[in-house]
Amino acid sequence: MEQNILLLSLITLVCYFVVGNPYTYAIMSKVTTLKVKDKKQHMILVGIHAVVMTLLMYGAYLFLIKDKECPPPKKCPPPKKCPPPKKCPEVNQAPVQQDVAQPKVDGSQPKVDPSKPPVKTQQSGSGTVEGFSF
């Protein structure tokens, strides 16, 4: 399309010179029996010329301007197969014990060891919001 812009501009120039010429208006006025001096009939004539100009430009674009055909895209090679994952070495660790008193899933209170100090938990209405106290 970029190479054909000059050609399309020249076609537009010739079409506009022919269609927008006052002599063409006079010929069309005689053919259609529309009077240029009557405002309503003059606007109908302008509309006819606009439609003719649009059809000429559409035809010029479709039939005279040829875009280059794009080559088909190259086919992608098939993806390479991934190697099998390596096995991690076995690690023997003792299970970690947590001392924090958390409520059980069944809703009962956790058992508290009397030898340890009590763990303070945040309850509703305690006066703190996101770490700020009032």
Protein backbone atom coordinates (compact mmCIF):
# COMPACT_ATOMS: atom_id res chain seq x y z
CA MET A 1 0.00 0.00 0.00
CA GLU A 2 2.81 2.44 0.84
CA GLN A 3 4.19 2.20 -2.69
CA ASN A 4 0.75 2.84 -4.21
CA ILE A 5 -0.04 6.05 -2.30
CA LEU A 6 1.21 8.23 -5.17
CA LEU A 7 -0.96 6.33 -7.66
CA LEU A 8 -4.01 6.60 -5.40
CA SER A 9 -3.37 10.35 -4.98
CA LEU A 10 -3.21 10.85 -8.76
CA ILE A 11 -6.44 8.89 -9.25
CA THR A 12 -8.10 11.02 -6.55
CA LEU A 13 -6.91 14.21 -8.27
CA VAL A 14 -8.36 13.20 -11.64
CA CYS A 15 -11.65 11.95 -10.16
CA TYR A 16 -12.13 15.08 -8.07
CA PHE A 17 -11.28 17.34 -11.03
CA VAL A 18 -13.90 15.59 -13.19
CA VAL A 19 -16.63 15.10 -10.57
CA GLY A 20 -16.23 18.45 -8.78
CA ASN A 21 -15.94 20.53 -11.95
CA PRO A 22 -18.66 23.21 -12.44
CA TYR A 23 -19.19 21.99 -16.00
CA THR A 24 -19.98 18.53 -14.65
CA TYR A 25 -22.49 20.14 -12.27
CA ALA A 26 -24.11 21.91 -15.23
CA ILE A 27 -24.30 18.71 -17.27
CA MET A 28 -25.78 16.78 -14.33
CA SER A 29 -28.23 19.62 -13.70
CA LYS A 30 -29.51 19.33 -17.27
CA VAL A 31 -29.63 15.51 -17.19
CA THR A 32 -31.50 15.34 -13.86
CA THR A 33 -33.52 18.56 -14.42
CA LEU A 34 -32.40 19.80 -10.98
CA LYS A 35 -31.83 23.55 -10.68
CA VAL A 36 -28.62 24.81 -9.06
CA LYS A 37 -30.33 28.05 -7.94
CA ASP A 38 -32.91 26.17 -5.84
CA LYS A 39 -31.22 25.37 -2.50
CA LYS A 40 -32.95 22.01 -1.96
CA GLN A 41 -32.27 20.81 -5.51
CA HIS A 42 -28.68 22.07 -5.31
CA MET A 43 -28.07 19.95 -2.19
CA ILE A 44 -29.49 16.91 -4.00
CA LEU A 45 -26.99 17.57 -6.81
CA VAL A 46 -24.15 17.82 -4.28
CA GLY A 47 -25.28 14.51 -2.75
CA ILE A 48 -25.27 12.84 -6.18
CA HIS A 49 -21.73 14.08 -6.82
CA ALA A 50 -20.60 12.85 -3.39
CA VAL A 51 -22.02 9.37 -4.06
CA VAL A 52 -20.39 9.27 -7.53
CA MET A 53 -17.02 10.38 -6.07
CA THR A 54 -17.28 7.75 -3.32
CA LEU A 55 -18.04 4.98 -5.82
CA LEU A 56 -15.16 6.04 -8.08
CA MET A 57 -12.70 6.06 -5.18
CA TYR A 58 -13.97 2.70 -3.93
CA GLY A 59 -13.53 1.22 -7.41
CA ALA A 60 -10.06 2.73 -7.76
CA TYR A 61 -9.01 1.29 -4.45
CA LEU A 62 -10.40 -2.18 -5.18
CA PHE A 63 -9.38 -2.63 -8.81
CA LEU A 64 -6.35 -0.41 -9.39
CA ILE A 65 -4.43 -0.56 -6.11
CA LYS A 66 -2.93 -3.97 -5.46
CA ASP A 67 -1.21 -4.72 -2.17
CA LYS A 68 1.70 -7.11 -2.07
CA GLU A 69 0.78 -10.60 -1.04
CA CYS A 70 2.40 -11.60 2.21
CA PRO A 71 4.30 -14.89 2.14
CA PRO A 72 2.85 -17.66 4.28
CA PRO A 73 4.36 -17.84 7.76
CA LYS A 74 7.16 -20.31 8.38
CA LYS A 75 6.26 -23.48 10.23
CA CYS A 76 7.60 -23.68 13.75
CA PRO A 77 9.87 -26.60 14.57
CA PRO A 78 8.46 -29.13 17.03
CA PRO A 79 9.42 -28.39 20.64
CA LYS A 80 12.36 -30.26 22.11
CA LYS A 81 11.62 -32.93 24.68
CA CYS A 82 12.55 -32.06 28.24
CA PRO A 83 15.00 -34.32 30.06
CA PRO A 84 13.53 -36.39 32.89
CA PRO A 85 13.67 -34.67 36.29
CA LYS A 86 16.56 -35.49 38.61
CA LYS A 87 15.77 -37.24 41.87
CA CYS A 88 16.51 -35.29 45.03
CA PRO A 89 18.68 -36.92 47.69
CA GLU A 90 16.81 -38.31 50.66
CA VAL A 91 17.05 -36.19 53.84
CA ASN A 92 16.29 -37.67 57.23
CA GLN A 93 15.05 -35.03 59.66
CA ALA A 94 13.16 -35.27 62.88
CA PRO A 95 9.67 -33.76 62.76
CA VAL A 96 9.46 -30.20 64.06
CA GLN A 97 7.39 -29.68 67.22
CA GLN A 98 5.49 -26.47 67.74
CA ASP A 99 5.09 -25.06 71.23
CA VAL A 100 2.50 -22.46 70.29
CA ALA A 101 -0.90 -23.23 71.72
CA GLN A 102 -3.36 -23.27 68.83
CA PRO A 103 -7.02 -24.20 69.01
CA LYS A 104 -7.87 -27.63 67.76
CA VAL A 105 -9.96 -28.22 64.71
CA ASP A 106 -12.87 -29.60 66.71
CA GLY A 107 -13.23 -26.26 68.57
CA SER A 108 -12.00 -27.41 71.99
CA GLN A 109 -9.33 -25.45 73.87
CA PRO A 110 -5.73 -26.64 73.60
CA LYS A 111 -4.07 -28.19 76.59
CA VAL A 112 -1.96 -25.68 78.52
CA ASP A 113 1.25 -26.68 80.28
CA PRO A 114 1.19 -25.00 83.76
CA SER A 115 4.99 -24.81 83.87
CA LYS A 116 5.13 -22.45 80.86
CA PRO A 117 3.89 -18.86 80.83
CA PRO A 118 0.53 -18.34 79.15
CA VAL A 119 0.51 -17.34 75.44
CA LYS A 120 -1.39 -14.12 74.81
CA THR A 121 -3.79 -14.40 71.87
CA GLN A 122 -5.68 -11.57 70.21
CA GLN A 123 -9.39 -11.69 70.87
CA SER A 124 -12.16 -9.52 69.51
CA GLY A 125 -12.70 -6.33 71.48
CA SER A 126 -9.16 -6.27 72.86
CA GLY A 127 -8.64 -2.63 71.79
CA THR A 128 -6.10 -3.17 68.98
CA VAL A 129 -6.60 -2.83 65.28
CA GLU A 130 -3.83 -4.06 62.97
CA GLY A 131 -1.12 -3.50 65.57
CA PHE A 132 -2.34 -0.11 66.82
CA SER A 133 -3.80 0.37 70.26
CA PHE A 134 -6.26 3.06 71.34
